[in-house]
Amino acid sequence: MCLAVPGRILGTEEREESRLGRVEFGGIVREVCLDLVPEAGVGDYVIVHAGFAISRLDAEEAERTYQLLAEMERAGEEVPTAAPGTTGQAD
């Protein structure tokens, strides 16, 4: 199973022929590659997987996702992960 999370773009820059952004995820800021979403800009929300923004997301949908993640945390649920050496997908 792969998990992609929403984050808000705080700033962007060009570096070594790539477009990078500082993206905030609930108070944590990470550097993310924005090459796959050239239309995304500062203030936009993006879905990020493995360090790459893969799509834009509106603010309402991002907020719903944050609320669901908070509910899962409060309930003590864990997101299932693949066992080592497997893809996590059904055969």
N, C-alpha and C. Protein backbone atom coordinates (compact mmCIF):
# COMPACT_ATOMS: atom_id res chain seq x y z
N MET A 1 0.85 -1.17 0.00
CA MET A 1 0.00 0.00 0.00
C MET A 1 0.89 1.23 0.00
N CYS A 2 0.56 2.18 -0.82
CA CYS A 2 1.29 3.44 -0.88
C CYS A 2 0.44 4.52 -0.25
N LEU A 3 1.09 5.44 0.41
CA LEU A 3 0.38 6.53 1.06
C LEU A 3 0.88 7.85 0.50
N ALA A 4 -0.03 8.66 0.02
CA ALA A 4 0.29 10.01 -0.44
C ALA A 4 -0.45 10.97 0.48
N VAL A 5 0.21 12.04 0.87
CA VAL A 5 -0.38 12.98 1.82
C VAL A 5 -0.43 14.38 1.24
N PRO A 6 -1.42 15.17 1.66
CA PRO A 6 -1.51 16.54 1.17
C PRO A 6 -0.57 17.47 1.94
N GLY A 7 -0.05 18.44 1.23
CA GLY A 7 0.78 19.47 1.84
C GLY A 7 0.57 20.78 1.11
N ARG A 8 0.90 21.88 1.81
CA ARG A 8 0.72 23.23 1.24
C ARG A 8 2.08 23.78 0.84
N ILE A 9 2.17 24.29 -0.38
CA ILE A 9 3.43 24.83 -0.89
C ILE A 9 3.68 26.19 -0.24
N LEU A 10 4.85 26.30 0.39
CA LEU A 10 5.25 27.55 1.04
C LEU A 10 6.14 28.41 0.15
N GLY A 11 6.91 27.76 -0.70
CA GLY A 11 7.81 28.48 -1.59
C GLY A 11 8.35 27.54 -2.65
N THR A 12 8.85 28.12 -3.75
CA THR A 12 9.40 27.30 -4.85
C THR A 12 10.73 27.88 -5.29
N GLU A 13 11.52 27.03 -5.95
CA GLU A 13 12.78 27.46 -6.54
C GLU A 13 13.19 26.48 -7.64
N GLU A 14 13.99 26.98 -8.57
CA GLU A 14 14.56 26.14 -9.62
C GLU A 14 15.95 25.74 -9.18
N ARG A 15 16.25 24.43 -9.28
CA ARG A 15 17.58 23.96 -8.92
C ARG A 15 17.95 22.77 -9.79
N GLU A 16 19.08 22.87 -10.48
CA GLU A 16 19.58 21.77 -11.31
C GLU A 16 18.50 21.24 -12.25
N GLU A 17 17.84 22.14 -12.96
CA GLU A 17 16.83 21.82 -13.96
C GLU A 17 15.58 21.16 -13.38
N SER A 18 15.36 21.29 -12.09
CA SER A 18 14.15 20.79 -11.44
C SER A 18 13.48 21.92 -10.68
N ARG A 19 12.18 21.82 -10.54
CA ARG A 19 11.42 22.78 -9.75
C ARG A 19 11.12 22.14 -8.40
N LEU A 20 11.62 22.76 -7.35
CA LEU A 20 11.45 22.24 -6.00
C LEU A 20 10.60 23.18 -5.18
N GLY A 21 9.95 22.63 -4.18
CA GLY A 21 9.13 23.45 -3.29
C GLY A 21 9.34 23.07 -1.85
N ARG A 22 9.16 24.05 -0.99
CA ARG A 22 9.09 23.79 0.45
C ARG A 22 7.61 23.57 0.73
N VAL A 23 7.28 22.38 1.23
CA VAL A 23 5.89 21.99 1.42
C VAL A 23 5.67 21.64 2.89
N GLU A 24 4.58 22.18 3.46
CA GLU A 24 4.25 21.95 4.86
C GLU A 24 3.21 20.85 4.99
N PHE A 25 3.50 19.92 5.90
CA PHE A 25 2.60 18.82 6.21
C PHE A 25 2.29 18.89 7.70
N GLY A 26 1.23 19.58 8.08
CA GLY A 26 0.84 19.65 9.48
C GLY A 26 1.93 20.14 10.40
N GLY A 27 2.66 21.17 10.00
CA GLY A 27 3.72 21.74 10.83
C GLY A 27 5.12 21.27 10.47
N ILE A 28 5.24 20.24 9.69
CA ILE A 28 6.55 19.74 9.25
C ILE A 28 6.77 20.21 7.82
N VAL A 29 7.96 20.76 7.55
CA VAL A 29 8.27 21.27 6.21
C VAL A 29 9.33 20.37 5.57
N ARG A 30 9.05 19.97 4.34
CA ARG A 30 9.96 19.12 3.57
C ARG A 30 10.15 19.70 2.17
N GLU A 31 11.27 19.35 1.58
CA GLU A 31 11.53 19.72 0.19
C GLU A 31 10.89 18.66 -0.71
N VAL A 32 10.17 19.12 -1.74
CA VAL A 32 9.41 18.24 -2.62
C VAL A 32 9.69 18.63 -4.06
N CYS A 33 9.80 17.66 -4.95
CA CYS A 33 9.94 17.92 -6.37
C CYS A 33 8.56 18.27 -6.94
N LEU A 34 8.48 19.39 -7.64
CA LEU A 34 7.21 19.86 -8.22
C LEU A 34 7.15 19.68 -9.73
N ASP A 35 8.09 18.97 -10.32
CA ASP A 35 8.15 18.82 -11.77
C ASP A 35 6.88 18.21 -12.38
N LEU A 36 6.18 17.35 -11.64
CA LEU A 36 4.99 16.68 -12.18
C LEU A 36 3.73 17.53 -12.09
N VAL A 37 3.81 18.66 -11.39
CA VAL A 37 2.66 19.57 -11.26
C VAL A 37 3.12 21.00 -11.55
N PRO A 38 3.45 21.28 -12.81
CA PRO A 38 3.99 22.61 -13.15
C PRO A 38 3.02 23.76 -12.88
N GLU A 39 1.71 23.44 -12.79
CA GLU A 39 0.72 24.49 -12.55
C GLU A 39 0.61 24.87 -11.07
N ALA A 40 1.19 24.10 -10.17
CA ALA A 40 1.09 24.36 -8.73
C ALA A 40 2.00 25.51 -8.32
N GLY A 41 1.47 26.36 -7.43
CA GLY A 41 2.24 27.50 -6.97
C GLY A 41 2.12 27.68 -5.46
N VAL A 42 2.77 28.70 -4.97
CA VAL A 42 2.75 29.00 -3.54
C VAL A 42 1.31 29.14 -3.05
N GLY A 43 1.01 28.47 -1.94
CA GLY A 43 -0.33 28.49 -1.37
C GLY A 43 -1.21 27.34 -1.82
N ASP A 44 -0.84 26.68 -2.92
CA ASP A 44 -1.61 25.52 -3.40
C ASP A 44 -1.33 24.30 -2.54
N TYR A 45 -2.28 23.39 -2.52
CA TYR A 45 -2.10 22.09 -1.87
C TYR A 45 -1.78 21.07 -2.94
N VAL A 46 -0.87 20.17 -2.61
CA VAL A 46 -0.48 19.10 -3.53
C VAL A 46 -0.49 17.77 -2.77
N ILE A 47 -0.71 16.70 -3.51
CA ILE A 47 -0.59 15.35 -2.97
C ILE A 47 0.85 14.92 -3.23
N VAL A 48 1.53 14.46 -2.17
CA VAL A 48 2.95 14.11 -2.28
C VAL A 48 3.14 12.64 -1.95
N HIS A 49 3.90 11.97 -2.80
CA HIS A 49 4.28 10.58 -2.58
C HIS A 49 5.76 10.45 -2.88
N ALA A 50 6.51 9.89 -1.93
CA ALA A 50 7.93 9.61 -2.10
C ALA A 50 8.72 10.84 -2.55
N GLY A 51 8.36 12.01 -2.03
CA GLY A 51 9.10 13.23 -2.33
C GLY A 51 8.70 13.94 -3.61
N PHE A 52 7.68 13.44 -4.29
CA PHE A 52 7.21 14.05 -5.53
C PHE A 52 5.76 14.49 -5.38
N ALA A 53 5.47 15.73 -5.72
CA ALA A 53 4.08 16.18 -5.80
C ALA A 53 3.49 15.54 -7.05
N ILE A 54 2.37 14.83 -6.88
CA ILE A 54 1.81 14.10 -8.02
C ILE A 54 0.51 14.69 -8.53
N SER A 55 -0.12 15.58 -7.76
CA SER A 55 -1.32 16.27 -8.24
C SER A 55 -1.65 17.43 -7.31
N ARG A 56 -2.45 18.37 -7.85
CA ARG A 56 -2.96 19.48 -7.04
C ARG A 56 -4.22 19.02 -6.34
N LEU A 57 -4.56 19.75 -5.28
CA LEU A 57 -5.70 19.41 -4.45
C LEU A 57 -6.30 20.71 -3.94
N ASP A 58 -7.63 20.80 -3.91
CA ASP A 58 -8.19 22.05 -3.39
C ASP A 58 -8.12 22.04 -1.86
N ALA A 59 -8.20 23.23 -1.27
CA ALA A 59 -8.04 23.40 0.18
C ALA A 59 -9.08 22.62 0.97
N GLU A 60 -10.31 22.55 0.48
CA GLU A 60 -11.36 21.82 1.18
C GLU A 60 -11.04 20.33 1.27
N GLU A 61 -10.59 19.75 0.18
CA GLU A 61 -10.25 18.32 0.17
C GLU A 61 -9.04 18.07 1.07
N ALA A 62 -8.06 18.96 1.07
CA ALA A 62 -6.90 18.82 1.95
C ALA A 62 -7.34 18.83 3.41
N GLU A 63 -8.24 19.73 3.76
CA GLU A 63 -8.72 19.82 5.13
C GLU A 63 -9.48 18.55 5.53
N ARG A 64 -10.30 18.01 4.63
CA ARG A 64 -11.01 16.75 4.93
C ARG A 64 -10.01 15.62 5.18
N THR A 65 -8.95 15.58 4.39
CA THR A 65 -7.92 14.54 4.57
C THR A 65 -7.23 14.70 5.91
N TYR A 66 -6.87 15.95 6.28
CA TYR A 66 -6.25 16.19 7.58
C TYR A 66 -7.17 15.75 8.72
N GLN A 67 -8.47 16.02 8.59
CA GLN A 67 -9.42 15.62 9.63
C GLN A 67 -9.50 14.11 9.75
N LEU A 68 -9.51 13.41 8.63
CA LEU A 68 -9.55 11.94 8.66
C LEU A 68 -8.28 11.37 9.30
N LEU A 69 -7.13 11.93 8.97
CA LEU A 69 -5.88 11.46 9.57
C LEU A 69 -5.88 11.71 11.08
N ALA A 70 -6.40 12.85 11.52
CA ALA A 70 -6.48 13.15 12.95
C ALA A 70 -7.42 12.18 13.65
N GLU A 71 -8.54 11.85 13.02
CA GLU A 71 -9.48 10.89 13.60
C GLU A 71 -8.83 9.52 13.74
N MET A 72 -8.07 9.11 12.73
CA MET A 72 -7.38 7.82 12.79
C MET A 72 -6.37 7.82 13.94
N GLU A 73 -5.66 8.91 14.10
CA GLU A 73 -4.67 9.00 15.18
C GLU A 73 -5.36 8.92 16.54
N ARG A 74 -6.46 9.65 16.70
CA ARG A 74 -7.20 9.62 17.97
C ARG A 74 -7.74 8.23 18.26
N ALA A 75 -8.14 7.52 17.24
CA ALA A 75 -8.70 6.18 17.42
C ALA A 75 -7.61 5.13 17.61
N GLY A 76 -6.35 5.52 17.42
CA GLY A 76 -5.26 4.58 17.60
C GLY A 76 -5.09 3.63 16.45
N GLU A 77 -5.68 3.96 15.31
CA GLU A 77 -5.56 3.10 14.13
C GLU A 77 -4.20 3.31 13.49
N GLU A 78 -3.70 2.27 12.88
CA GLU A 78 -2.46 2.35 12.13
C GLU A 78 -2.78 2.14 10.66
N VAL A 79 -2.04 2.83 9.81
CA VAL A 79 -2.18 2.63 8.38
C VAL A 79 -1.45 1.34 8.03
N PRO A 80 -2.10 0.39 7.36
CA PRO A 80 -1.43 -0.87 7.03
C PRO A 80 -0.25 -0.65 6.10
N THR A 81 0.80 -1.44 6.32
CA THR A 81 1.98 -1.35 5.46
C THR A 81 2.26 -2.73 4.90
N ALA A 82 3.00 -2.76 3.82
CA ALA A 82 3.37 -4.02 3.19
C ALA A 82 4.45 -4.71 4.02
N ALA A 83 4.42 -6.02 4.05
CA ALA A 83 5.47 -6.78 4.72
C ALA A 83 6.78 -6.61 3.94
N PRO A 84 7.92 -6.65 4.62
CA PRO A 84 9.20 -6.53 3.90
C PRO A 84 9.31 -7.53 2.77
N GLY A 85 9.76 -7.05 1.63
CA GLY A 85 9.94 -7.92 0.48
C GLY A 85 8.72 -8.14 -0.36
N THR A 86 7.60 -7.45 -0.04
CA THR A 86 6.38 -7.58 -0.83
C THR A 86 6.01 -6.21 -1.40
N THR A 87 5.11 -6.22 -2.35
CA THR A 87 4.66 -4.95 -2.94
C THR A 87 3.48 -4.38 -2.21
N GLY A 88 2.82 -5.17 -1.38
CA GLY A 88 1.64 -4.72 -0.67
C GLY A 88 0.38 -4.75 -1.52
N GLN A 89 0.47 -5.29 -2.73
CA GLN A 89 -0.69 -5.37 -3.62
C GLN A 89 -1.11 -6.83 -3.75
N ALA A 90 -2.39 -7.03 -3.99
CA ALA A 90 -2.90 -8.39 -4.17
C ALA A 90 -2.35 -8.99 -5.45
N ASP A 91 -2.06 -10.27 -5.42
CA ASP A 91 -1.54 -10.95 -6.62
C ASP A 91 -2.66 -11.38 -7.52
